[in-house]
């Protein structure tokens, strides 16, 4: 019998009969993956577990510690939750609203009042599906059949989405007797999607808590952030008022030539929010330092500039300070931190605190500017000094962390957390990932302003995310307010700039699969010309 040689991640090899499936090979290798295998990558591309191997190759199995496996795990968990909930409450609809830190917000819609005991029953049902190791079957159907299925089930936003895709074959997944489609591959069975928790928030809303992406893959204790959830809800309600709860409604505005008015309304709403924040600051006479934080590509620079303008109209003289300008020179930074600007140690804390102290004491200071090209900072030749109505606007990744501004008393500080939370649903079961939105922003910006190749941006993204998990998210609860910096329409704008860069990632690149995933995630978004975007829009921080 003809055999093929498979090389595993640990460089061990094993011969198998030709046409052995990835699943059968995974069963052989399973003992090497304590978190359970969810998928496989061959030649930088994710393949299905029923793929038959016909030639020698290297195979890399994907589990929850892999970024792609992490998304597969979350999608599989959503599917299991939806099936379990519908089995218990057949006359309901499950909607997945948005992400929360380490979780997914779900809502059970229909003529039912979910109580805490019901959530325990859903959880038990989910564990039974997992224990029984139910198959998750992937199959392709004709576009017409998919349209008929969703029309029959009154999921008209999905009908519009499928009509927007230039494909005649649509990928469906089946779990027990339920069908759905997702924007990522799913595992082929349920047994390895076995770590989660359900938290009931009331009003038929449930948070599905999933494990961390580390090697231990432990389910974290749920931390409830009212300010984040309220930010999502507030924007979602506004979108409903504007009659654009789903992506298909945005696409309709584009095709009808009405997107310009929606963009203007979105900008006005954002400006109103910033205006209210400025008034709050004015009403607290003690405030001397406004600290503005947020993860990478959350729009800190533009929002700080906008807030500064509103404060000026209220009589203040804002002094903006970017902690990015206090990065250590390359010669003073540790070698493993050169490409990781997100760690607190990359900032010259001594210089930053000395400058802030001098300003607070009424002294003159020459602020620095950091160049990402030369990897050095230089002092300005023009000094600044705080006056009676002056106020510091300090923006940066670590501004919620008191270690950054340890010498400033709490009563003088007002902390703002920024993040682009798109409350727009792609459909009732899929939403725009905040992480993906920030990655698209970063890809476009880095290519334009930092002379960074897309492969480098994709390579360092997980390090960026790890830094955020360590240096930002644990301090969200210290924020006085959250400002949502996302626009419901912006993926259509970013698509125009990001797609060519993503298509440039070759098949031989280890980031090929990630690039194709992002391309596929934008397929249902109609492109939107940047001519509609105002010069002072947050999006200009990224697209130029």
Protein backbone atom coordinates (compact mmCIF):
# COMPACT_ATOMS: atom_id res chain seq x y z
CA UNK A 1 0.00 0.00 0.00
CA UNK A 2 1.32 3.44 -0.92
CA UNK A 3 2.20 5.60 2.07
CA UNK A 4 2.74 9.28 2.79
CA UNK A 5 5.02 10.86 5.39
CA UNK A 6 3.51 13.40 7.80
CA UNK A 7 5.78 15.77 9.71
CA UNK A 8 4.27 17.04 12.98
CA UNK A 9 4.96 20.36 14.79
CA UNK A 10 7.41 18.60 17.13
CA UNK A 11 9.34 17.53 13.96
CA UNK A 12 8.51 13.87 14.52
CA UNK A 13 7.36 11.98 11.45
CA UNK A 14 4.92 9.18 10.88
CA UNK A 15 3.87 7.23 7.81
CA UNK A 16 0.19 6.80 6.96
CA UNK A 17 -1.66 5.17 4.07
CA UNK A 18 -2.33 7.60 1.23
CA UNK A 19 -5.77 9.28 1.49
CA UNK A 20 -5.73 9.15 5.29
CA UNK A 21 -7.93 11.99 6.57
CA UNK A 22 -6.71 14.85 8.71
CA UNK A 23 -9.12 13.63 11.39
CA UNK A 24 -7.46 10.20 11.53
CA UNK A 25 -4.03 11.79 11.73
CA UNK A 26 -5.28 14.11 14.48
CA UNK A 27 -6.53 11.13 16.47
CA UNK A 28 -2.99 9.73 16.34
CA UNK A 29 -1.49 13.08 17.46
CA UNK A 30 -4.18 14.01 20.01
CA UNK A 31 -2.03 13.17 23.04
CA UNK A 32 0.34 16.00 22.07
CA UNK A 33 -2.43 18.63 22.32
CA UNK A 34 -3.81 18.84 25.88
CA UNK A 35 -6.41 21.45 24.88
CA UNK A 36 -7.89 19.31 22.13
CA UNK A 37 -7.45 19.66 18.39
CA UNK A 38 -9.95 21.91 16.61
CA UNK A 39 -8.52 22.05 13.12
CA UNK A 40 -5.35 21.78 11.06
CA UNK A 41 -3.10 23.97 8.96
CA UNK A 42 -1.26 22.57 5.94
CA UNK A 43 0.99 24.84 3.88
CA UNK A 44 -0.28 27.90 5.80
CA UNK A 45 -3.93 27.15 4.95
CA UNK A 46 -6.64 25.87 7.28
CA UNK A 47 -8.09 22.60 6.02
CA UNK A 48 -11.15 20.63 7.07
CA UNK A 49 -10.73 17.54 9.20
CA UNK A 50 -12.18 15.29 6.48
CA UNK A 51 -9.50 16.40 3.99
CA UNK A 52 -7.67 13.38 2.55
CA UNK A 53 -3.89 13.71 2.46
CA UNK A 54 -2.41 12.52 -0.82
CA UNK A 55 1.25 13.53 -0.48
CA UNK A 56 4.00 14.13 2.05
CA UNK A 57 3.42 17.32 4.02
CA UNK A 58 3.93 19.18 7.26
CA UNK A 59 0.81 19.48 9.36
CA UNK A 60 0.22 21.92 12.19
CA UNK A 61 -2.75 21.14 14.39
CA UNK A 62 -4.81 24.04 15.66
CA UNK A 63 -6.14 24.27 19.21
CA UNK A 64 -7.45 27.12 21.35
CA UNK A 65 -3.93 28.51 21.87
CA UNK A 66 -3.74 29.31 18.15
CA UNK A 67 -5.49 32.60 17.14
CA UNK A 68 -7.41 30.81 14.39
CA UNK A 69 -8.31 27.96 16.72
CA UNK A 70 -9.47 30.52 19.28
CA UNK A 71 -11.99 31.89 16.80
CA UNK A 72 -13.08 28.37 15.84
CA UNK A 73 -13.67 27.61 19.52
CA UNK A 74 -15.80 30.72 20.02
CA UNK A 75 -17.87 30.03 16.89
CA UNK A 76 -18.39 26.42 17.94
CA UNK A 77 -19.43 27.54 21.41
CA UNK A 78 -21.99 29.93 19.92
CA UNK A 79 -23.40 27.13 17.79
CA UNK A 80 -23.69 24.75 20.75
CA UNK A 81 -25.35 27.44 22.88
CA UNK A 82 -27.86 28.26 20.13
CA UNK A 83 -28.79 24.61 19.60
CA UNK A 84 -29.13 23.91 23.35
CA UNK A 85 -31.24 27.01 23.98
CA UNK A 86 -33.55 26.32 21.02
CA UNK A 87 -34.07 22.73 22.16
CA UNK A 88 -35.24 23.99 25.56
CA UNK A 89 -37.19 26.95 24.18
CA UNK A 90 -38.28 26.01 20.63
CA UNK A 91 -40.31 29.18 19.97
CA UNK A 92 -37.42 31.58 20.53
CA UNK A 93 -34.65 33.18 18.50
CA UNK A 94 -31.09 33.40 19.74
CA UNK A 95 -29.26 36.62 18.93
CA UNK A 96 -25.54 37.17 19.53
CA UNK A 97 -25.26 40.89 20.18
CA UNK A 98 -21.60 41.73 20.71
CA UNK A 99 -18.44 40.71 22.51
CA UNK A 100 -17.57 41.56 26.10
CA UNK A 101 -14.17 40.97 27.75
CA UNK A 102 -13.64 37.19 27.50
CA UNK A 103 -17.22 36.57 26.49
CA UNK A 104 -20.14 36.89 24.10
CA UNK A 105 -23.40 38.65 24.90
CA UNK A 106 -26.41 36.58 23.83
CA UNK A 107 -30.11 37.32 24.03
CA UNK A 108 -33.03 34.89 23.96
CA UNK A 109 -35.84 36.58 22.04
CA UNK A 110 -39.42 35.40 22.05
CA UNK A 111 -42.40 34.92 24.35
CA UNK A 112 -40.40 33.52 27.22
CA UNK A 113 -39.00 34.97 30.45
CA UNK A 114 -35.64 33.36 31.10
CA UNK A 115 -34.75 32.89 34.79
CA UNK A 116 -31.51 31.82 36.42
CA UNK A 117 -32.59 28.16 36.63
CA UNK A 118 -33.21 28.18 32.87
CA UNK A 119 -29.61 29.23 32.30
CA UNK A 120 -28.45 26.23 34.35
CA UNK A 121 -30.61 24.00 32.14
CA UNK A 122 -29.06 25.47 28.99
CA UNK A 123 -25.62 24.83 30.45
CA UNK A 124 -26.51 21.20 31.23
CA UNK A 125 -27.85 20.73 27.71
CA UNK A 126 -24.64 22.19 26.25
CA UNK A 127 -22.48 19.81 28.29
CA UNK A 128 -24.57 16.86 27.08
CA UNK A 129 -24.03 17.91 23.45
CA UNK A 130 -20.30 18.13 24.17
CA UNK A 131 -20.18 14.83 26.08
CA UNK A 132 -22.04 13.05 23.28
CA UNK A 133 -19.43 14.45 20.88
CA UNK A 134 -22.02 15.49 18.35
CA UNK A 135 -20.63 15.98 14.83
CA UNK A 136 -20.56 19.49 13.34
CA UNK A 137 -21.05 18.78 9.66
CA UNK A 138 -19.79 21.17 7.02
CA UNK A 139 -21.37 21.11 3.58
CA UNK A 140 -21.84 23.32 0.57
CA UNK A 141 -25.23 24.25 -0.86
CA UNK A 142 -26.33 26.30 -3.81
CA UNK A 143 -26.88 29.99 -3.19
CA UNK A 144 -30.53 29.64 -4.17
CA UNK A 145 -31.06 26.92 -1.56
CA UNK A 146 -29.44 29.08 1.14
CA UNK A 147 -31.69 32.00 0.21
CA UNK A 148 -34.78 29.78 0.36
CA UNK A 149 -33.76 28.44 3.77
CA UNK A 150 -33.31 31.87 5.34
CA UNK A 151 -36.44 33.28 3.71
CA UNK A 152 -38.43 30.36 5.14
CA UNK A 153 -36.99 31.13 8.59
CA UNK A 154 -37.64 34.89 8.32
CA UNK A 155 -33.95 35.76 8.58
CA UNK A 156 -34.13 38.39 5.89
CA UNK A 157 -30.91 40.17 6.86
CA UNK A 158 -29.07 36.94 5.98
CA UNK A 159 -30.90 36.79 2.67
CA UNK A 160 -29.58 40.24 1.82
CA UNK A 161 -26.06 39.32 2.94
CA UNK A 162 -25.95 36.21 0.76
CA UNK A 163 -27.26 38.21 -2.19
CA UNK A 164 -24.33 40.60 -1.63
CA UNK A 165 -21.73 37.87 -2.05
CA UNK A 166 -20.52 36.91 -5.50
CA UNK A 167 -20.66 33.18 -4.79
CA UNK A 168 -22.93 30.48 -6.10
CA UNK A 169 -21.93 28.03 -3.35
CA UNK A 170 -22.56 28.82 0.33
CA UNK A 171 -20.96 26.94 3.23
CA UNK A 172 -23.38 25.71 5.90
CA UNK A 173 -22.82 23.89 9.18
CA UNK A 174 -25.18 21.43 10.84
CA UNK A 175 -25.30 20.50 14.54
CA UNK A 176 -28.00 17.98 15.40
CA UNK A 177 -31.00 19.28 13.43
CA UNK A 178 -29.97 22.96 13.35
CA UNK A 179 -28.28 24.75 10.44
CA UNK A 180 -26.28 27.97 10.36
CA UNK A 181 -23.30 29.63 8.74
CA UNK A 182 -20.35 31.47 10.25
CA UNK A 183 -17.47 33.63 9.10
CA UNK A 184 -14.82 31.15 10.21
CA UNK A 185 -14.21 27.42 10.04
CA UNK A 186 -15.81 25.31 12.79
CA UNK A 187 -14.46 22.21 14.51
CA UNK A 188 -15.82 18.94 13.14
CA UNK A 189 -17.12 17.75 16.52
CA UNK A 190 -18.09 19.13 19.91
CA UNK A 191 -15.92 17.20 22.38
CA UNK A 192 -13.07 19.72 22.52
CA UNK A 193 -15.32 22.76 23.04
CA UNK A 194 -15.67 21.79 26.68
CA UNK A 195 -14.67 24.84 28.72
CA UNK A 196 -17.11 27.70 29.24
CA UNK A 197 -19.48 29.33 31.68
CA UNK A 198 -22.85 31.07 31.42
CA UNK A 199 -23.62 34.23 33.37
CA UNK A 200 -27.21 35.46 33.56
CA UNK A 201 -27.59 39.24 33.44
CA UNK A 202 -31.39 39.41 33.50
CA UNK A 203 -33.84 40.52 30.79
CA UNK A 204 -33.12 37.34 28.79
CA UNK A 205 -29.46 38.33 28.34
CA UNK A 206 -26.70 35.80 28.95
CA UNK A 207 -22.92 36.11 28.72
CA UNK A 208 -21.13 33.07 27.32
CA UNK A 209 -17.69 33.13 28.97
CA UNK A 210 -14.98 31.33 27.02
CA UNK A 211 -11.44 30.34 28.06
CA UNK A 212 -8.36 32.47 27.68
CA UNK A 213 -6.15 31.76 24.69
CA UNK A 214 -3.14 30.73 26.78
CA UNK A 215 -1.70 27.25 27.00
CA UNK A 216 -3.78 26.44 30.11
CA UNK A 217 -7.02 27.62 28.42
CA UNK A 218 -8.73 28.29 31.74
CA UNK A 219 -12.17 29.88 31.94
CA UNK A 220 -11.67 33.25 33.67
CA UNK A 221 -13.92 34.61 36.36
CA UNK A 222 -16.46 36.88 34.68
CA UNK A 223 -15.93 40.56 35.36
CA UNK A 224 -18.96 42.71 34.59
CA UNK A 225 -18.19 46.07 33.01
CA UNK A 226 -21.39 48.11 33.02
CA UNK A 227 -19.72 51.01 31.25
CA UNK A 228 -18.76 48.83 28.27
CA UNK A 229 -22.09 47.05 27.96
CA UNK A 230 -23.97 50.35 28.32
CA UNK A 231 -21.83 51.80 25.53
CA UNK A 232 -22.85 48.94 23.24
CA UNK A 233 -26.52 49.26 24.20
CA UNK A 234 -26.54 53.03 23.71
CA UNK A 235 -25.11 52.76 20.19
CA UNK A 236 -27.34 49.80 19.34
CA UNK A 237 -30.42 51.78 20.33
CA UNK A 238 -29.25 54.69 18.19
CA UNK A 239 -28.82 52.38 15.19
CA UNK A 240 -32.33 51.03 15.70
CA UNK A 241 -33.61 54.61 15.78
CA UNK A 242 -31.78 55.22 12.50
CA UNK A 243 -33.32 51.98 11.15
CA UNK A 244 -29.92 50.36 10.50
CA UNK A 245 -29.60 47.48 13.00
CA UNK A 246 -27.87 45.21 10.46
CA UNK A 247 -25.13 45.45 7.87
CA UNK A 248 -27.65 44.91 5.08
CA UNK A 249 -29.25 48.24 6.06
CA UNK A 250 -25.89 50.01 5.67
CA UNK A 251 -25.43 48.35 2.28
CA UNK A 252 -28.89 49.58 1.26
CA UNK A 253 -27.85 53.13 2.13
CA UNK A 254 -24.75 52.73 -0.06
CA UNK A 255 -26.66 51.34 -3.03
CA UNK A 256 -29.41 53.98 -2.65
CA UNK A 257 -26.90 56.84 -2.58
CA UNK A 258 -27.87 57.83 0.98
CA UNK A 259 -24.75 56.81 2.90
CA UNK A 260 -23.48 60.40 2.98
CA UNK A 261 -26.34 61.51 5.25
CA UNK A 262 -25.81 58.55 7.58
CA UNK A 263 -22.09 59.30 7.84
CA UNK A 264 -22.87 62.92 8.75
CA UNK A 265 -25.38 61.80 11.37
CA UNK A 266 -22.81 59.39 12.84
CA UNK A 267 -20.21 62.15 13.10
CA UNK A 268 -22.72 64.50 14.77
CA UNK A 269 -23.62 61.84 17.33
CA UNK A 270 -19.97 61.27 18.14
CA UNK A 271 -19.35 65.01 18.47
CA UNK A 272 -22.33 65.34 20.82
CA UNK A 273 -20.81 62.68 23.05
CA UNK A 274 -17.47 64.45 23.17
CA UNK A 275 -19.25 67.72 23.96
CA UNK A 276 -21.00 66.11 26.93
CA UNK A 277 -17.67 64.78 28.23
CA UNK A 278 -16.17 68.28 27.98
CA UNK A 279 -19.07 69.70 30.00
CA UNK A 280 -18.58 67.01 32.66
CA UNK A 281 -14.94 68.01 32.96
CA UNK A 282 -15.88 71.68 33.27
CA UNK A 283 -18.25 70.89 36.12
CA UNK A 284 -15.39 69.47 38.21
CA UNK A 285 -13.07 72.32 39.14
CA UNK A 286 -10.46 69.98 40.67
CA UNK A 287 -9.57 68.26 37.42
CA UNK A 288 -6.10 69.03 36.08
CA UNK A 289 -5.24 65.93 34.04
CA UNK A 290 -7.52 64.09 31.64
CA UNK A 291 -6.13 60.62 30.98
CA UNK A 292 -7.29 59.02 27.74
CA UNK A 293 -6.60 55.32 27.21
CA UNK A 294 -7.63 52.60 24.84
CA UNK A 295 -6.24 49.62 22.97
CA UNK A 296 -4.28 49.90 19.76
CA UNK A 297 -6.09 51.70 16.93
CA UNK A 298 -8.95 52.92 19.12
CA UNK A 299 -8.62 56.50 17.87
CA UNK A 300 -6.86 58.03 20.86
CA UNK A 301 -5.06 60.73 18.90
CA UNK A 302 -8.11 62.09 17.08
CA UNK A 303 -10.42 61.85 20.09
CA UNK A 304 -7.91 63.73 22.22
CA UNK A 305 -7.70 66.44 19.56
CA UNK A 306 -11.50 66.64 19.34
CA UNK A 307 -11.92 66.84 23.12
CA UNK A 308 -9.27 69.53 23.19
CA UNK A 309 -11.31 71.63 20.74
CA UNK A 310 -14.46 71.34 22.84
CA UNK A 311 -12.59 72.25 26.00
CA UNK A 312 -11.25 75.36 24.25
CA UNK A 313 -14.83 76.48 23.54
CA UNK A 314 -15.44 76.20 27.30
CA UNK A 315 -12.53 78.51 28.10
CA UNK A 316 -9.78 75.98 28.75
CA UNK A 317 -6.26 75.92 27.34
CA UNK A 318 -5.66 72.20 26.75
CA UNK A 319 -2.12 70.88 26.71
CA UNK A 320 -2.08 67.57 24.80
CA UNK A 321 0.56 65.02 25.76
CA UNK A 322 0.95 61.72 23.93
CA UNK A 323 2.69 58.97 25.84
CA UNK A 324 3.78 57.63 22.42
CA UNK A 325 6.23 60.54 22.37
CA UNK A 326 7.84 59.16 25.53
CA UNK A 327 8.89 55.83 24.05
CA UNK A 328 12.47 55.01 24.92
CA UNK A 329 15.09 55.43 22.21
CA UNK A 330 15.93 52.17 20.51
CA UNK A 331 19.37 52.10 22.12
CA UNK A 332 17.78 52.26 25.58
CA UNK A 333 15.14 49.57 25.06
CA UNK A 334 15.49 45.86 25.57
CA UNK A 335 15.90 43.84 22.39
CA UNK A 336 12.65 41.86 22.95
CA UNK A 337 10.68 45.11 23.32
CA UNK A 338 11.78 46.81 20.10
CA UNK A 339 8.70 45.61 18.17
CA UNK A 340 6.43 45.68 21.22
CA UNK A 341 5.52 49.27 21.92
CA UNK A 342 2.55 48.18 24.03
CA UNK A 343 4.47 47.25 27.20
CA UNK A 344 4.71 49.84 29.96
CA UNK A 345 8.49 49.32 30.10
CA UNK A 346 8.82 50.74 26.58
CA UNK A 347 7.90 54.20 27.95
CA UNK A 348 10.43 56.51 29.57
CA UNK A 349 8.40 56.86 32.79
CA UNK A 350 11.05 58.95 34.50
CA UNK A 351 11.00 61.63 31.80
CA UNK A 352 7.20 61.57 31.55
CA UNK A 353 6.63 62.05 35.28
CA UNK A 354 9.30 64.72 35.54
CA UNK A 355 7.63 66.69 32.73
CA UNK A 356 4.15 66.34 34.27
CA UNK A 357 5.41 67.41 37.70
CA UNK A 358 7.11 70.47 36.24
CA UNK A 359 3.95 71.44 34.36
CA UNK A 360 1.76 70.97 37.44
CA UNK A 361 4.19 73.18 39.36
CA UNK A 362 3.91 75.96 36.78
CA UNK A 363 7.33 75.38 35.19
CA UNK A 364 8.19 75.52 31.50
CA UNK A 365 8.68 72.22 29.68
CA UNK A 366 9.94 71.33 26.20
CA UNK A 367 7.84 68.30 25.23
CA UNK A 368 9.40 65.49 23.17
CA UNK A 369 8.34 64.00 19.84
CA UNK A 370 9.04 60.35 18.96
CA UNK A 371 9.82 59.18 15.42
CA UNK A 372 8.83 55.63 14.47
CA UNK A 373 11.25 55.90 11.55
CA UNK A 374 14.40 56.83 13.47
CA UNK A 375 13.22 55.13 16.71
CA UNK A 376 14.30 58.24 18.68
CA UNK A 377 12.64 61.14 20.50
CA UNK A 378 13.72 64.76 20.33
CA UNK A 379 12.73 67.75 22.48
CA UNK A 380 10.70 70.55 20.93
CA UNK A 381 12.37 73.96 20.57
CA UNK A 382 9.19 75.60 21.91
CA UNK A 383 8.30 75.45 25.60
CA UNK A 384 4.84 75.16 27.17
CA UNK A 385 3.58 76.23 30.56
CA UNK A 386 0.32 75.66 32.44
CA UNK A 387 -1.83 78.71 33.17
CA UNK A 388 -4.91 79.16 35.34
CA UNK A 389 -7.30 77.57 32.81
CA UNK A 390 -4.80 75.07 31.42
CA UNK A 391 -5.57 71.35 31.57
CA UNK A 392 -3.44 68.37 30.59
CA UNK A 393 -4.80 65.90 28.05
CA UNK A 394 -2.62 62.82 28.38
CA UNK A 395 -3.34 60.05 25.89
CA UNK A 396 -1.83 56.61 25.59
CA UNK A 397 -2.17 52.91 26.08
CA UNK A 398 -1.49 52.89 29.82
CA UNK A 399 -3.39 55.96 30.96
CA UNK A 400 -5.82 54.00 33.14
CA UNK A 401 -2.87 52.58 35.05
CA UNK A 402 -1.87 54.78 37.99
CA UNK A 403 1.74 53.60 37.62
CA UNK A 404 1.95 55.87 34.59
CA UNK A 405 1.04 59.02 36.55
CA UNK A 406 1.89 57.96 40.07
CA UNK A 407 2.64 61.51 41.29
CA UNK A 408 -0.78 62.96 40.44
CA UNK A 409 -3.46 62.86 43.12
CA UNK A 410 -6.64 61.00 42.22
CA UNK A 411 -8.89 64.04 42.64
CA UNK A 412 -7.03 65.81 39.82
CA UNK A 413 -7.52 62.97 37.33
CA UNK A 414 -10.39 62.04 35.02
CA UNK A 415 -9.97 58.76 33.13
CA UNK A 416 -11.50 58.07 29.74
CA UNK A 417 -11.50 54.66 28.06
CA UNK A 418 -11.83 54.55 24.27
CA UNK A 419 -12.70 51.54 22.15
CA UNK A 420 -14.39 51.05 18.77
CA UNK A 421 -17.48 49.02 19.67
CA UNK A 422 -19.52 48.47 16.52
CA UNK A 423 -23.03 47.60 17.66
CA UNK A 424 -23.99 46.76 14.09
CA UNK A 425 -24.94 43.14 13.55
CA UNK A 426 -23.77 41.44 10.37
CA UNK A 427 -26.83 39.33 11.06
CA UNK A 428 -28.52 38.03 14.20
CA UNK A 429 -25.78 35.44 14.79
CA UNK A 430 -22.67 37.30 13.65
CA UNK A 431 -21.32 40.73 14.55
CA UNK A 432 -18.32 42.86 13.71
CA UNK A 433 -15.44 41.88 15.95
CA UNK A 434 -13.93 44.83 17.82
CA UNK A 435 -10.54 43.10 17.57
CA UNK A 436 -10.82 42.65 13.79
CA UNK A 437 -11.91 46.26 13.34
CA UNK A 438 -8.87 47.49 15.23
CA UNK A 439 -6.61 45.17 13.23
CA UNK A 440 -7.96 46.56 9.95
CA UNK A 441 -7.40 50.10 11.21
CA UNK A 442 -3.86 49.22 12.24
CA UNK A 443 -3.01 47.50 8.93
CA UNK A 444 -4.06 50.59 6.98
CA UNK A 445 -2.40 53.08 9.33
CA UNK A 446 0.88 51.18 9.76
CA UNK A 447 1.31 50.84 6.02
CA UNK A 448 0.64 54.53 5.49
CA UNK A 449 2.48 56.20 8.39
CA UNK A 450 4.97 53.77 9.88
CA UNK A 451 6.46 52.26 6.74
CA UNK A 452 5.34 48.86 8.04
CA UNK A 453 4.66 45.90 5.77
CA UNK A 454 1.38 44.10 6.35
CA UNK A 455 3.21 40.88 7.25
CA UNK A 456 4.95 42.74 10.07
CA UNK A 457 1.65 44.13 11.36
CA UNK A 458 0.08 40.66 11.33
CA UNK A 459 3.17 39.16 12.95
CA UNK A 460 3.16 41.57 15.90
CA UNK A 461 -0.62 41.72 16.35
CA UNK A 462 -0.80 38.88 18.88
CA UNK A 463 1.97 40.54 20.89
CA UNK A 464 -0.05 43.75 20.80
CA UNK A 465 -3.11 41.85 22.00
CA UNK A 466 -1.13 40.19 24.79
CA UNK A 467 0.05 43.62 25.93
CA UNK A 468 -3.53 44.90 25.99
CA UNK A 469 -4.66 41.92 28.06
CA UNK A 470 -1.95 42.70 30.57
CA UNK A 471 -1.76 46.49 30.55
CA UNK A 472 -5.18 47.85 29.59
CA UNK A 473 -8.12 45.54 30.19
CA UNK A 474 -7.40 44.92 33.90
CA UNK A 475 -7.79 48.68 34.48
CA UNK A 476 -11.04 49.29 32.56
CA UNK A 477 -13.01 49.40 35.81
CA UNK A 478 -11.02 52.50 36.81
CA UNK A 479 -12.36 54.50 33.87
CA UNK A 480 -14.79 57.30 34.65
CA UNK A 481 -16.41 57.04 31.22
CA UNK A 482 -16.26 55.02 27.99
CA UNK A 483 -16.29 56.68 24.59
CA UNK A 484 -17.25 54.49 21.66
CA UNK A 485 -15.01 55.49 18.73
CA UNK A 486 -16.50 53.17 16.09
CA UNK A 487 -18.68 54.05 13.15
CA UNK A 488 -21.23 51.54 11.91
CA UNK A 489 -20.17 52.24 8.31
CA UNK A 490 -16.40 52.19 8.69
CA UNK A 491 -15.56 48.65 7.56
CA UNK A 492 -16.82 49.65 4.11
CA UNK A 493 -14.33 52.54 4.10
CA UNK A 494 -11.42 50.51 5.48
CA UNK A 495 -12.12 47.74 2.96
CA UNK A 496 -11.03 50.00 0.08
CA UNK A 497 -7.60 50.48 1.70
CA UNK A 498 -7.09 47.13 3.43
CA UNK A 499 -8.07 44.68 0.68
CA UNK A 500 -5.11 45.37 -1.67
CA UNK A 501 -2.72 44.98 1.25
CA UNK A 502 -4.33 41.73 2.36
CA UNK A 503 -4.28 40.31 -1.17
CA UNK A 504 -0.53 40.98 -1.27
CA UNK A 505 0.05 38.31 1.40
CA UNK A 506 1.31 35.32 -0.56
CA UNK A 507 0.43 31.66 -0.16
CA UNK A 508 3.91 30.98 1.24
CA UNK A 509 3.39 33.43 4.10
CA UNK A 510 2.52 32.12 7.57
CA UNK A 511 -0.11 34.89 7.63
CA UNK A 512 -1.82 33.84 4.42
CA UNK A 513 -4.78 32.24 6.20
CA UNK A 514 -5.29 35.26 8.44
CA UNK A 515 -5.20 37.60 5.46
CA UNK A 516 -7.77 35.50 3.60
CA UNK A 517 -9.98 35.34 6.70
CA UNK A 518 -10.05 39.12 6.91
CA UNK A 519 -10.78 39.39 3.19
CA UNK A 520 -13.66 36.94 3.53
CA UNK A 521 -15.02 38.77 6.58
CA UNK A 522 -15.35 41.94 4.49
CA UNK A 523 -17.02 40.31 1.48
CA UNK A 524 -20.54 41.27 2.54
CA UNK A 525 -19.57 44.92 3.12
CA UNK A 526 -20.16 47.29 0.23
CA UNK A 527 -17.11 49.52 -0.36
CA UNK A 528 -17.57 53.17 0.69
CA UNK A 529 -15.53 55.96 -0.87
CA UNK A 530 -13.38 58.02 1.50
CA UNK A 531 -14.67 61.17 -0.22
CA UNK A 532 -17.59 61.04 2.21
CA UNK A 533 -15.30 61.12 5.25
CA UNK A 534 -14.72 64.52 6.86
CA UNK A 535 -11.19 65.83 7.33
CA UNK A 536 -11.52 65.72 11.13
CA UNK A 537 -13.08 62.23 11.31
CA UNK A 538 -11.44 59.56 13.47
CA UNK A 539 -11.10 57.47 10.32
CA UNK A 540 -8.64 60.03 8.93
CA UNK A 541 -6.24 58.93 11.67
CA UNK A 542 -5.99 55.63 9.78
CA UNK A 543 -6.76 56.26 6.12
CA UNK A 544 -5.05 59.65 5.91
